[in-house]
Amino acid sequence: MKKSAIFLIATSLIIFSGCATTQPHYIDKEKLGTSTPVTLGLDYEDFERSSLKLVNSMLRSPYLDRMYQTKMQKDGKPLILMISDFINDTTQRIDIDQLVKKIRIALLNSGKFIVTTALRAGGPEDKATYELRKLRGNEEFDQRTVAKKGTIVSADLSLSGKIIQRVSKLPNGKQRVDYYIQMSATDVTSGLAFWEGEEVISKAGSGKSAPW
């Protein structure tokens, strides 16, 4: 009876130990010992951390700061940012706007940027800007309240990005998944990238787990 009990306990410990080592975990030094991801894919915490670091990097850029200071001296207004293409090069169905929205909010709160919703790659984000201009000449509306021609403000910068996923097998049978979140801020007048940033998120887990 005692032997059976000992055998069951030992078996349980082996199974538990095996399960524990296959749980997804961060392998980049910054995240070691802080928290354990529940998936090999990207989650809310990953977006939160990455967006914060990318925004801080953008706000520290000497080129963007110089551009901001020049705009303030000339017009007394912050830089106007439009959202360009964001590419999802992963196996996950990622809501790119979730990441972009966090970055937009942080940039707006910095006081250095204003985001235009009248311009975006693929069409305006807020169609109301153009729909309301169709009221010009409509006698049912007070034309003094209808936006005049030449009042939409263009952008100074465009923000584009890409999320890349790379999967590699480890010698112990696990798999490593690296995510590269890359962004660029381009001066739309010159076409030159005034800032670029990259955040890398690395995880490891069971080789049988799908990274999504």
N, C-alpha and C. Protein backbone atom coordinates (compact mmCIF):
# COMPACT_ATOMS: atom_id res chain seq x y z
N MET A 1 0.84 -1.21 0.00
CA MET A 1 0.00 0.00 0.00
C MET A 1 0.87 1.25 0.00
N LYS A 2 1.95 1.21 0.88
CA LYS A 2 2.84 2.36 0.96
C LYS A 2 3.58 2.55 -0.36
N LYS A 3 4.00 1.43 -0.98
CA LYS A 3 4.71 1.52 -2.25
C LYS A 3 3.83 2.14 -3.32
N SER A 4 2.54 1.76 -3.33
CA SER A 4 1.60 2.31 -4.31
C SER A 4 1.43 3.81 -4.11
N ALA A 5 1.32 4.21 -2.85
CA ALA A 5 1.14 5.64 -2.56
C ALA A 5 2.37 6.43 -2.99
N ILE A 6 3.55 5.89 -2.67
CA ILE A 6 4.80 6.56 -3.05
C ILE A 6 4.90 6.67 -4.56
N PHE A 7 4.53 5.59 -5.26
CA PHE A 7 4.59 5.58 -6.73
C PHE A 7 3.67 6.65 -7.32
N LEU A 8 2.44 6.74 -6.77
CA LEU A 8 1.48 7.73 -7.26
C LEU A 8 1.98 9.15 -7.04
N ILE A 9 2.57 9.39 -5.85
CA ILE A 9 3.10 10.73 -5.55
C ILE A 9 4.23 11.08 -6.49
N ALA A 10 5.14 10.12 -6.70
CA ALA A 10 6.28 10.36 -7.59
C ALA A 10 5.83 10.63 -9.00
N THR A 11 4.84 9.84 -9.46
CA THR A 11 4.31 10.03 -10.81
C THR A 11 3.68 11.41 -10.96
N SER A 12 2.93 11.81 -9.95
CA SER A 12 2.27 13.12 -9.98
C SER A 12 3.29 14.25 -10.04
N LEU A 13 4.38 14.09 -9.25
CA LEU A 13 5.42 15.12 -9.25
C LEU A 13 6.09 15.23 -10.61
N ILE A 14 6.32 14.11 -11.25
CA ILE A 14 6.95 14.11 -12.57
C ILE A 14 6.06 14.79 -13.59
N ILE A 15 4.78 14.44 -13.55
CA ILE A 15 3.81 15.03 -14.49
C ILE A 15 3.71 16.53 -14.26
N PHE A 16 3.61 16.91 -12.97
CA PHE A 16 3.48 18.34 -12.64
C PHE A 16 4.72 19.11 -13.08
N SER A 17 5.88 18.49 -12.82
CA SER A 17 7.14 19.14 -13.20
C SER A 17 7.22 19.31 -14.69
N GLY A 18 6.79 18.28 -15.43
CA GLY A 18 6.83 18.35 -16.89
C GLY A 18 5.92 19.42 -17.41
N CYS A 19 4.72 19.54 -16.81
CA CYS A 19 3.77 20.56 -17.25
C CYS A 19 4.30 21.95 -16.97
N ALA A 20 4.95 22.10 -15.79
CA ALA A 20 5.42 23.42 -15.40
C ALA A 20 6.48 23.94 -16.35
N THR A 21 7.37 23.04 -16.80
CA THR A 21 8.47 23.48 -17.66
C THR A 21 8.01 23.78 -19.07
N THR A 22 6.81 23.33 -19.44
CA THR A 22 6.33 23.60 -20.80
C THR A 22 5.44 24.84 -20.85
N GLN A 23 5.18 25.45 -19.69
CA GLN A 23 4.38 26.66 -19.69
C GLN A 23 5.13 27.78 -20.42
N PRO A 24 4.40 28.60 -21.19
CA PRO A 24 5.07 29.71 -21.88
C PRO A 24 5.74 30.64 -20.87
N HIS A 25 6.90 31.18 -21.22
CA HIS A 25 7.58 32.12 -20.35
C HIS A 25 8.42 33.07 -21.18
N TYR A 26 8.64 34.27 -20.64
CA TYR A 26 9.49 35.24 -21.32
C TYR A 26 10.94 34.81 -21.20
N ILE A 27 11.73 35.08 -22.22
CA ILE A 27 13.14 34.74 -22.15
C ILE A 27 14.04 35.95 -22.33
N ASP A 28 13.44 37.14 -22.54
CA ASP A 28 14.27 38.34 -22.58
C ASP A 28 14.57 38.77 -21.15
N LYS A 29 15.74 39.32 -20.92
CA LYS A 29 16.23 39.59 -19.57
C LYS A 29 15.32 40.52 -18.79
N GLU A 30 14.71 41.48 -19.47
CA GLU A 30 13.90 42.48 -18.77
C GLU A 30 12.69 41.87 -18.10
N LYS A 31 12.15 40.77 -18.67
CA LYS A 31 10.92 40.19 -18.15
C LYS A 31 11.16 39.00 -17.22
N LEU A 32 12.39 38.53 -17.11
CA LEU A 32 12.66 37.35 -16.29
C LEU A 32 12.24 37.60 -14.84
N GLY A 33 11.43 36.69 -14.32
CA GLY A 33 11.03 36.77 -12.93
C GLY A 33 9.96 37.79 -12.62
N THR A 34 9.39 38.43 -13.65
CA THR A 34 8.37 39.45 -13.40
C THR A 34 6.97 38.90 -13.53
N SER A 35 6.66 38.28 -14.63
CA SER A 35 5.33 37.72 -14.83
C SER A 35 5.42 36.58 -15.82
N THR A 36 4.40 35.76 -15.84
CA THR A 36 4.38 34.61 -16.74
C THR A 36 3.26 34.76 -17.75
N PRO A 37 3.58 34.76 -19.05
CA PRO A 37 2.53 34.88 -20.06
C PRO A 37 1.68 33.62 -20.11
N VAL A 38 0.44 33.76 -20.47
CA VAL A 38 -0.45 32.60 -20.57
C VAL A 38 -0.44 32.02 -21.97
N THR A 39 0.23 32.68 -22.89
CA THR A 39 0.25 32.23 -24.27
C THR A 39 1.57 32.59 -24.93
N LEU A 40 1.90 31.86 -25.97
CA LEU A 40 3.09 32.19 -26.76
C LEU A 40 2.81 33.36 -27.69
N GLY A 41 1.54 33.68 -27.85
CA GLY A 41 1.17 34.81 -28.71
C GLY A 41 1.30 36.13 -27.97
N LEU A 42 1.01 37.22 -28.67
CA LEU A 42 1.04 38.55 -28.06
C LEU A 42 -0.24 38.78 -27.26
N ASP A 43 -0.11 39.36 -26.08
CA ASP A 43 -1.28 39.62 -25.25
C ASP A 43 -1.32 41.10 -24.84
N TYR A 44 -2.28 41.44 -24.00
CA TYR A 44 -2.49 42.84 -23.59
C TYR A 44 -1.25 43.42 -22.93
N GLU A 45 -0.61 42.64 -22.06
CA GLU A 45 0.57 43.14 -21.35
C GLU A 45 1.70 43.45 -22.33
N ASP A 46 1.83 42.63 -23.37
CA ASP A 46 2.86 42.87 -24.37
C ASP A 46 2.62 44.19 -25.10
N PHE A 47 1.36 44.44 -25.47
CA PHE A 47 1.02 45.69 -26.14
C PHE A 47 1.27 46.88 -25.21
N GLU A 48 0.89 46.72 -23.94
CA GLU A 48 1.03 47.81 -22.96
C GLU A 48 2.50 48.18 -22.81
N ARG A 49 3.32 47.19 -22.62
CA ARG A 49 4.75 47.42 -22.40
C ARG A 49 5.42 47.99 -23.64
N SER A 50 5.11 47.40 -24.80
CA SER A 50 5.76 47.83 -26.05
C SER A 50 5.37 49.24 -26.44
N SER A 51 4.08 49.56 -26.33
CA SER A 51 3.62 50.89 -26.71
C SER A 51 4.26 51.96 -25.84
N LEU A 52 4.39 51.69 -24.54
CA LEU A 52 4.99 52.65 -23.62
C LEU A 52 6.46 52.91 -23.98
N LYS A 53 7.19 51.85 -24.26
CA LYS A 53 8.61 52.00 -24.58
C LYS A 53 8.81 52.69 -25.92
N LEU A 54 7.97 52.39 -26.90
CA LEU A 54 8.09 53.02 -28.21
C LEU A 54 7.76 54.51 -28.12
N VAL A 55 6.74 54.86 -27.36
CA VAL A 55 6.38 56.27 -27.19
C VAL A 55 7.51 57.02 -26.49
N ASN A 56 8.06 56.44 -25.44
CA ASN A 56 9.16 57.10 -24.72
C ASN A 56 10.36 57.32 -25.64
N SER A 57 10.64 56.34 -26.48
CA SER A 57 11.73 56.47 -27.45
C SER A 57 11.45 57.60 -28.44
N MET A 58 10.20 57.67 -28.89
CA MET A 58 9.80 58.70 -29.85
C MET A 58 9.90 60.10 -29.23
N LEU A 59 9.48 60.23 -27.99
CA LEU A 59 9.51 61.53 -27.33
C LEU A 59 10.93 61.98 -27.00
N ARG A 60 11.86 61.03 -26.92
CA ARG A 60 13.26 61.38 -26.64
C ARG A 60 14.04 61.72 -27.91
N SER A 61 13.44 61.51 -29.07
CA SER A 61 14.14 61.74 -30.34
C SER A 61 14.54 63.22 -30.48
N PRO A 62 15.83 63.52 -30.64
CA PRO A 62 16.25 64.92 -30.80
C PRO A 62 15.74 65.53 -32.10
N TYR A 63 15.57 64.72 -33.14
CA TYR A 63 15.09 65.22 -34.42
C TYR A 63 13.63 65.65 -34.33
N LEU A 64 12.81 64.80 -33.69
CA LEU A 64 11.40 65.14 -33.54
C LEU A 64 11.22 66.33 -32.59
N ASP A 65 12.06 66.40 -31.57
CA ASP A 65 11.97 67.52 -30.64
C ASP A 65 12.30 68.83 -31.35
N ARG A 66 13.33 68.80 -32.21
CA ARG A 66 13.70 69.99 -32.97
C ARG A 66 12.58 70.38 -33.93
N MET A 67 11.95 69.38 -34.54
CA MET A 67 10.84 69.63 -35.45
C MET A 67 9.66 70.24 -34.69
N TYR A 68 9.41 69.74 -33.50
CA TYR A 68 8.33 70.26 -32.66
C TYR A 68 8.60 71.71 -32.25
N GLN A 69 9.82 72.00 -31.82
CA GLN A 69 10.17 73.35 -31.40
C GLN A 69 10.02 74.34 -32.55
N THR A 70 10.44 73.94 -33.75
CA THR A 70 10.32 74.80 -34.93
C THR A 70 8.86 75.09 -35.25
N LYS A 71 8.00 74.04 -35.16
CA LYS A 71 6.58 74.20 -35.45
C LYS A 71 5.92 75.12 -34.42
N MET A 72 6.30 74.99 -33.17
CA MET A 72 5.72 75.82 -32.12
C MET A 72 6.11 77.28 -32.30
N GLN A 73 7.37 77.53 -32.68
CA GLN A 73 7.83 78.90 -32.88
C GLN A 73 7.15 79.54 -34.09
N LYS A 74 6.89 78.72 -35.11
CA LYS A 74 6.29 79.23 -36.34
C LYS A 74 4.78 79.40 -36.24
N ASP A 75 4.08 78.35 -35.78
CA ASP A 75 2.61 78.35 -35.76
C ASP A 75 2.00 78.33 -34.36
N GLY A 76 2.82 78.01 -33.37
CA GLY A 76 2.28 77.89 -32.01
C GLY A 76 1.42 76.66 -31.83
N LYS A 77 1.62 75.64 -32.68
CA LYS A 77 0.83 74.42 -32.63
C LYS A 77 1.73 73.19 -32.64
N PRO A 78 1.28 72.09 -32.04
CA PRO A 78 2.08 70.86 -32.04
C PRO A 78 2.11 70.19 -33.41
N LEU A 79 2.91 69.17 -33.53
CA LEU A 79 3.04 68.42 -34.78
C LEU A 79 1.76 67.63 -35.06
N ILE A 80 1.40 67.56 -36.32
CA ILE A 80 0.21 66.81 -36.73
C ILE A 80 0.64 65.48 -37.31
N LEU A 81 0.10 64.41 -36.76
CA LEU A 81 0.50 63.05 -37.12
C LEU A 81 -0.64 62.32 -37.81
N MET A 82 -0.35 61.67 -38.92
CA MET A 82 -1.33 60.80 -39.57
C MET A 82 -0.88 59.36 -39.43
N ILE A 83 -1.83 58.44 -39.38
CA ILE A 83 -1.53 57.01 -39.27
C ILE A 83 -1.44 56.41 -40.66
N SER A 84 -0.30 55.80 -40.94
CA SER A 84 -0.10 55.17 -42.24
C SER A 84 -0.30 53.65 -42.11
N ASP A 85 0.38 52.88 -42.93
CA ASP A 85 0.20 51.42 -42.95
C ASP A 85 0.83 50.75 -41.73
N PHE A 86 0.11 49.81 -41.15
CA PHE A 86 0.65 48.93 -40.11
C PHE A 86 0.42 47.50 -40.57
N ILE A 87 1.51 46.77 -40.74
CA ILE A 87 1.46 45.42 -41.32
C ILE A 87 1.59 44.36 -40.23
N ASN A 88 0.71 43.38 -40.27
CA ASN A 88 0.76 42.25 -39.34
C ASN A 88 1.37 41.05 -40.04
N ASP A 89 2.67 40.82 -39.82
CA ASP A 89 3.37 39.69 -40.44
C ASP A 89 3.55 38.58 -39.41
N THR A 90 2.44 38.15 -38.80
CA THR A 90 2.45 37.06 -37.82
C THR A 90 1.35 36.07 -38.16
N THR A 91 1.32 34.97 -37.42
CA THR A 91 0.26 33.97 -37.61
C THR A 91 -0.98 34.32 -36.79
N GLN A 92 -0.91 35.39 -36.01
CA GLN A 92 -2.03 35.79 -35.16
C GLN A 92 -2.95 36.77 -35.87
N ARG A 93 -4.21 36.76 -35.47
CA ARG A 93 -5.16 37.78 -35.92
C ARG A 93 -5.11 38.93 -34.93
N ILE A 94 -4.14 39.81 -35.13
CA ILE A 94 -3.90 40.90 -34.19
C ILE A 94 -4.73 42.13 -34.57
N ASP A 95 -5.35 42.72 -33.57
CA ASP A 95 -6.05 43.99 -33.77
C ASP A 95 -5.00 45.09 -33.69
N ILE A 96 -4.46 45.47 -34.85
CA ILE A 96 -3.39 46.46 -34.90
C ILE A 96 -3.83 47.77 -34.25
N ASP A 97 -5.10 48.12 -34.42
CA ASP A 97 -5.60 49.38 -33.88
C ASP A 97 -5.50 49.43 -32.36
N GLN A 98 -5.50 48.27 -31.71
CA GLN A 98 -5.36 48.23 -30.25
C GLN A 98 -4.00 48.78 -29.84
N LEU A 99 -2.96 48.36 -30.56
CA LEU A 99 -1.61 48.85 -30.28
C LEU A 99 -1.47 50.31 -30.69
N VAL A 100 -1.97 50.64 -31.89
CA VAL A 100 -1.85 52.01 -32.40
C VAL A 100 -2.59 53.00 -31.50
N LYS A 101 -3.76 52.60 -31.01
CA LYS A 101 -4.54 53.50 -30.16
C LYS A 101 -3.80 53.85 -28.88
N LYS A 102 -3.13 52.88 -28.27
CA LYS A 102 -2.36 53.15 -27.06
C LYS A 102 -1.26 54.17 -27.34
N ILE A 103 -0.61 54.03 -28.49
CA ILE A 103 0.46 54.95 -28.86
C ILE A 103 -0.10 56.34 -29.14
N ARG A 104 -1.22 56.39 -29.82
CA ARG A 104 -1.85 57.67 -30.13
C ARG A 104 -2.23 58.44 -28.87
N ILE A 105 -2.83 57.74 -27.93
CA ILE A 105 -3.26 58.38 -26.68
C ILE A 105 -2.06 58.96 -25.94
N ALA A 106 -0.98 58.17 -25.86
CA ALA A 106 0.21 58.63 -25.15
C ALA A 106 0.85 59.83 -25.84
N LEU A 107 0.87 59.83 -27.17
CA LEU A 107 1.45 60.96 -27.91
C LEU A 107 0.59 62.21 -27.76
N LEU A 108 -0.72 62.05 -27.79
CA LEU A 108 -1.62 63.19 -27.59
C LEU A 108 -1.43 63.78 -26.19
N ASN A 109 -1.31 62.91 -25.20
CA ASN A 109 -1.14 63.37 -23.82
C ASN A 109 0.20 64.06 -23.58
N SER A 110 1.17 63.82 -24.47
CA SER A 110 2.48 64.46 -24.33
C SER A 110 2.42 65.94 -24.67
N GLY A 111 1.40 66.35 -25.44
CA GLY A 111 1.26 67.74 -25.84
C GLY A 111 2.08 68.11 -27.06
N LYS A 112 2.86 67.16 -27.58
CA LYS A 112 3.71 67.45 -28.75
C LYS A 112 3.06 67.06 -30.07
N PHE A 113 2.01 66.26 -29.99
CA PHE A 113 1.41 65.74 -31.22
C PHE A 113 -0.11 65.87 -31.19
N ILE A 114 -0.67 66.08 -32.39
CA ILE A 114 -2.11 65.99 -32.61
C ILE A 114 -2.30 64.98 -33.74
N VAL A 115 -3.25 64.08 -33.60
CA VAL A 115 -3.49 63.06 -34.62
C VAL A 115 -4.66 63.48 -35.50
N THR A 116 -4.45 63.47 -36.82
CA THR A 116 -5.54 63.78 -37.74
C THR A 116 -6.31 62.51 -38.07
N THR A 117 -7.63 62.60 -38.06
CA THR A 117 -8.47 61.46 -38.45
C THR A 117 -9.04 61.67 -39.85
N ALA A 118 -8.68 62.79 -40.47
CA ALA A 118 -9.14 63.07 -41.83
C ALA A 118 -8.24 62.41 -42.87
N LEU A 119 -7.05 62.00 -42.44
CA LEU A 119 -6.09 61.36 -43.34
C LEU A 119 -5.61 60.05 -42.73
N ARG A 120 -5.60 59.02 -43.54
CA ARG A 120 -5.05 57.73 -43.13
C ARG A 120 -4.83 56.89 -44.37
N ALA A 121 -3.82 56.03 -44.33
CA ALA A 121 -3.57 55.14 -45.46
C ALA A 121 -4.81 54.29 -45.71
N GLY A 122 -5.30 54.28 -46.93
CA GLY A 122 -6.50 53.52 -47.26
C GLY A 122 -7.78 54.32 -47.14
N GLY A 123 -7.69 55.58 -46.72
CA GLY A 123 -8.89 56.40 -46.60
C GLY A 123 -9.00 57.04 -45.24
N PRO A 124 -9.84 58.06 -45.11
CA PRO A 124 -9.97 58.76 -43.82
C PRO A 124 -10.51 57.86 -42.73
N GLU A 125 -10.00 58.05 -41.52
CA GLU A 125 -10.47 57.26 -40.38
C GLU A 125 -11.87 57.70 -39.96
N ASP A 126 -12.09 59.01 -39.99
CA ASP A 126 -13.39 59.57 -39.64
C ASP A 126 -13.98 60.21 -40.90
N LYS A 127 -14.96 59.55 -41.50
CA LYS A 127 -15.54 60.02 -42.76
C LYS A 127 -16.41 61.26 -42.59
N ALA A 128 -16.75 61.59 -41.35
CA ALA A 128 -17.63 62.73 -41.10
C ALA A 128 -17.03 64.03 -41.62
N THR A 129 -15.69 64.14 -41.56
CA THR A 129 -15.03 65.36 -42.03
C THR A 129 -15.40 65.66 -43.47
N TYR A 130 -15.46 64.61 -44.30
CA TYR A 130 -15.79 64.79 -45.71
C TYR A 130 -17.30 64.78 -45.96
N GLU A 131 -18.02 63.99 -45.19
CA GLU A 131 -19.47 63.93 -45.37
C GLU A 131 -20.13 65.28 -45.09
N LEU A 132 -19.66 65.96 -44.05
CA LEU A 132 -20.24 67.25 -43.70
C LEU A 132 -19.97 68.32 -44.76
N ARG A 133 -18.89 68.15 -45.51
CA ARG A 133 -18.59 69.11 -46.57
C ARG A 133 -19.51 68.95 -47.78
N LYS A 134 -20.22 67.85 -47.82
CA LYS A 134 -21.20 67.66 -48.89
C LYS A 134 -22.44 68.53 -48.68
N LEU A 135 -22.51 69.16 -47.53
CA LEU A 135 -23.66 70.03 -47.22
C LEU A 135 -23.51 71.42 -47.82
N ARG A 136 -22.38 71.68 -48.45
CA ARG A 136 -22.20 72.99 -49.08
C ARG A 136 -23.26 73.21 -50.16
N GLY A 137 -23.93 74.32 -50.07
CA GLY A 137 -24.96 74.64 -51.05
C GLY A 137 -26.32 74.08 -50.71
N ASN A 138 -26.41 73.24 -49.67
CA ASN A 138 -27.70 72.68 -49.24
C ASN A 138 -28.46 73.73 -48.44
N GLU A 139 -29.59 74.17 -48.98
CA GLU A 139 -30.34 75.27 -48.37
C GLU A 139 -30.95 74.91 -47.02
N GLU A 140 -30.99 73.62 -46.69
CA GLU A 140 -31.55 73.20 -45.41
C GLU A 140 -30.60 73.49 -44.24
N PHE A 141 -29.35 73.80 -44.56
CA PHE A 141 -28.35 74.03 -43.52
C PHE A 141 -27.82 75.46 -43.58
N ASP A 142 -27.59 75.99 -42.41
CA ASP A 142 -26.98 77.32 -42.31
C ASP A 142 -25.55 77.21 -42.84
N GLN A 143 -25.29 77.81 -43.98
CA GLN A 143 -23.99 77.67 -44.62
C GLN A 143 -22.85 78.28 -43.81
N ARG A 144 -23.19 79.14 -42.86
CA ARG A 144 -22.15 79.71 -42.01
C ARG A 144 -21.57 78.65 -41.06
N THR A 145 -22.32 77.56 -40.86
CA THR A 145 -21.85 76.50 -39.96
C THR A 145 -21.21 75.34 -40.71
N VAL A 146 -21.20 75.43 -42.04
CA VAL A 146 -20.59 74.37 -42.86
C VAL A 146 -19.13 74.74 -43.13
N ALA A 147 -18.23 73.77 -42.94
CA ALA A 147 -16.79 74.02 -43.12
C ALA A 147 -16.50 74.52 -44.54
N LYS A 148 -15.69 75.54 -44.62
CA LYS A 148 -15.31 76.12 -45.90
C LYS A 148 -14.19 75.32 -46.55
N LYS A 149 -13.97 75.57 -47.82
CA LYS A 149 -12.87 74.92 -48.53
C LYS A 149 -11.53 75.41 -47.96
N GLY A 150 -10.56 74.50 -47.99
CA GLY A 150 -9.22 74.87 -47.54
C GLY A 150 -9.05 74.92 -46.03
N THR A 151 -9.92 74.24 -45.30
CA THR A 151 -9.82 74.28 -43.83
C THR A 151 -9.27 73.00 -43.21
N ILE A 152 -9.20 71.91 -43.97
CA ILE A 152 -8.63 70.66 -43.44
C ILE A 152 -7.11 70.83 -43.35
N VAL A 153 -6.56 70.50 -42.20
CA VAL A 153 -5.13 70.67 -41.97
C VAL A 153 -4.39 69.38 -42.33
N SER A 154 -3.35 69.51 -43.13
CA SER A 154 -2.55 68.35 -43.54
C SER A 154 -1.61 67.92 -42.42
N ALA A 155 -0.93 66.81 -42.62
CA ALA A 155 -0.05 66.24 -41.59
C ALA A 155 1.39 66.67 -41.78
N ASP A 156 2.12 66.70 -40.67
CA ASP A 156 3.57 66.93 -40.70
C ASP A 156 4.32 65.61 -40.76
N LEU A 157 3.76 64.59 -40.09
CA LEU A 157 4.42 63.29 -39.98
C LEU A 157 3.44 62.17 -40.24
N SER A 158 3.96 61.05 -40.70
CA SER A 158 3.16 59.83 -40.81
C SER A 158 3.80 58.76 -39.93
N LEU A 159 2.96 57.95 -39.30
CA LEU A 159 3.43 56.87 -38.43
C LEU A 159 3.07 55.54 -39.06
N SER A 160 4.07 54.73 -39.34
CA SER A 160 3.86 53.41 -39.94
C SER A 160 4.54 52.35 -39.08
N GLY A 161 4.17 51.10 -39.29
CA GLY A 161 4.76 50.05 -38.48
C GLY A 161 4.55 48.66 -39.02
N LYS A 162 5.18 47.71 -38.35
CA LYS A 162 5.09 46.31 -38.76
C LYS A 162 5.36 45.43 -37.55
N ILE A 163 4.62 44.32 -37.45
CA ILE A 163 4.86 43.32 -36.41
C ILE A 163 5.32 42.04 -37.10
N ILE A 164 6.52 41.59 -36.77
CA ILE A 164 7.12 40.41 -37.39
C ILE A 164 7.22 39.29 -36.36
N GLN A 165 6.95 38.07 -36.78
CA GLN A 165 7.05 36.90 -35.90
C GLN A 165 8.05 35.91 -36.47
N ARG A 166 8.93 35.40 -35.60
CA ARG A 166 9.90 34.39 -36.00
C ARG A 166 9.85 33.24 -34.99
N VAL A 167 9.73 32.03 -35.48
CA VAL A 167 9.65 30.84 -34.61
C VAL A 167 10.86 29.95 -34.87
N SER A 168 11.50 29.49 -33.80
CA SER A 168 12.66 28.60 -33.93
C SER A 168 12.58 27.49 -32.89
N LYS A 169 13.06 26.32 -33.26
CA LYS A 169 13.07 25.17 -32.36
C LYS A 169 14.30 25.21 -31.46
N LEU A 170 14.11 24.87 -30.19
CA LEU A 170 15.21 24.82 -29.23
C LEU A 170 15.68 23.38 -29.04
N PRO A 171 16.93 23.17 -28.62
CA PRO A 171 17.47 21.82 -28.44
C PRO A 171 16.68 20.95 -27.46
N ASN A 172 16.02 21.57 -26.48
CA ASN A 172 15.28 20.81 -25.47
C ASN A 172 13.87 20.44 -25.92
N GLY A 173 13.55 20.67 -27.20
CA GLY A 173 12.24 20.32 -27.72
C GLY A 173 11.22 21.43 -27.64
N LYS A 174 11.56 22.49 -26.92
CA LYS A 174 10.65 23.64 -26.86
C LYS A 174 10.78 24.48 -28.13
N GLN A 175 10.00 25.53 -28.20
CA GLN A 175 10.11 26.47 -29.30
C GLN A 175 10.25 27.89 -28.77
N ARG A 176 10.98 28.68 -29.51
CA ARG A 176 11.17 30.09 -29.16
C ARG A 176 10.42 30.94 -30.18
N VAL A 177 9.66 31.92 -29.68
CA VAL A 177 8.92 32.82 -30.56
C VAL A 177 9.37 34.25 -30.28
N ASP A 178 9.87 34.91 -31.31
CA ASP A 178 10.31 36.30 -31.20
C ASP A 178 9.36 37.20 -31.99
N TYR A 179 8.94 38.27 -31.37
CA TYR A 179 8.09 39.27 -32.03
C TYR A 179 8.86 40.59 -32.11
N TYR A 180 8.90 41.15 -33.30
CA TYR A 180 9.57 42.43 -33.52
C TYR A 180 8.50 43.47 -33.86
N ILE A 181 8.30 44.42 -32.96
CA ILE A 181 7.34 45.50 -33.20
C ILE A 181 8.13 46.73 -33.64
N GLN A 182 8.00 47.07 -34.91
CA GLN A 182 8.79 48.14 -35.51
C GLN A 182 7.91 49.32 -35.92
N MET A 183 8.41 50.53 -35.74
CA MET A 183 7.65 51.72 -36.12
C MET A 183 8.59 52.78 -36.68
N SER A 184 8.03 53.61 -37.57
CA SER A 184 8.78 54.71 -38.17
C SER A 184 7.91 55.96 -38.22
N ALA A 185 8.51 57.11 -37.94
CA ALA A 185 7.84 58.40 -38.09
C ALA A 185 8.54 59.13 -39.22
N THR A 186 7.77 59.43 -40.28
CA THR A 186 8.34 60.03 -41.49
C THR A 186 7.84 61.45 -41.70
N ASP A 187 8.76 62.34 -42.01
CA ASP A 187 8.41 63.71 -42.39
C ASP A 187 7.78 63.65 -43.78
N VAL A 188 6.50 63.97 -43.90
CA VAL A 188 5.79 63.80 -45.17
C VAL A 188 6.25 64.81 -46.22
N THR A 189 6.91 65.89 -45.80
CA THR A 189 7.41 66.88 -46.76
C THR A 189 8.66 66.38 -47.47
N SER A 190 9.59 65.84 -46.70
CA SER A 190 10.86 65.38 -47.27
C SER A 190 10.89 63.89 -47.57
N GLY A 191 9.98 63.13 -46.92
CA GLY A 191 9.99 61.68 -47.10
C GLY A 191 11.06 60.99 -46.27
N LEU A 192 11.67 61.73 -45.35
CA LEU A 192 12.74 61.18 -44.52
C LEU A 192 12.19 60.69 -43.19
N ALA A 193 12.68 59.53 -42.75
CA ALA A 193 12.27 58.98 -41.45
C ALA A 193 13.06 59.69 -40.35
N PHE A 194 12.36 60.46 -39.51
CA PHE A 194 13.01 61.21 -38.44
C PHE A 194 13.18 60.37 -37.17
N TRP A 195 12.44 59.28 -37.09
CA TRP A 195 12.56 58.39 -35.93
C TRP A 195 12.15 56.99 -36.32
N GLU A 196 12.87 56.01 -35.76
CA GLU A 196 12.50 54.60 -35.92
C GLU A 196 12.73 53.89 -34.60
N GLY A 197 11.83 53.00 -34.26
CA GLY A 197 11.95 52.26 -33.01
C GLY A 197 11.58 50.80 -33.19
N GLU A 198 12.14 49.96 -32.33
CA GLU A 198 11.84 48.53 -32.37
C GLU A 198 11.81 47.97 -30.96
N GLU A 199 10.79 47.18 -30.68
CA GLU A 199 10.70 46.46 -29.43
C GLU A 199 10.63 44.97 -29.74
N VAL A 200 11.43 44.17 -29.03
CA VAL A 200 11.47 42.73 -29.26
C VAL A 200 10.89 42.01 -28.04
N ILE A 201 9.94 41.13 -28.29
CA ILE A 201 9.33 40.31 -27.24
C ILE A 201 9.65 38.86 -27.54
N SER A 202 10.33 38.19 -26.62
CA SER A 202 10.75 36.80 -26.84
C SER A 202 10.12 35.89 -25.80
N LYS A 203 9.54 34.79 -26.28
CA LYS A 203 8.90 33.82 -25.40
C LYS A 203 9.35 32.41 -25.78
N ALA A 204 9.24 31.49 -24.82
CA ALA A 204 9.53 30.08 -25.08
C ALA A 204 8.45 29.24 -24.43
N GLY A 205 8.20 28.08 -25.03
CA GLY A 205 7.18 27.19 -24.50
C GLY A 205 7.22 25.85 -25.20
N SER A 206 6.21 25.06 -24.97
CA SER A 206 6.14 23.72 -25.55
C SER A 206 6.21 23.77 -27.07
N GLY A 207 6.94 22.82 -27.63
CA GLY A 207 7.04 22.73 -29.08
C GLY A 207 5.73 22.33 -29.72
N LYS A 208 4.78 21.85 -28.91
CA LYS A 208 3.48 21.43 -29.43
C LYS A 208 2.46 22.58 -29.42
N SER A 209 2.82 23.67 -28.73
CA SER A 209 1.89 24.80 -28.63
C SER A 209 1.94 25.65 -29.89
N ALA A 210 0.79 26.16 -30.29
CA ALA A 210 0.73 27.07 -31.44
C ALA A 210 0.85 28.50 -30.93
N PRO A 211 1.73 29.33 -31.54
CA PRO A 211 1.92 30.71 -31.07
C PRO A 211 0.83 31.65 -31.51
N TRP A 212 -0.42 31.37 -31.10
CA TRP A 212 -1.52 32.32 -31.37
C TRP A 212 -2.59 32.17 -30.30
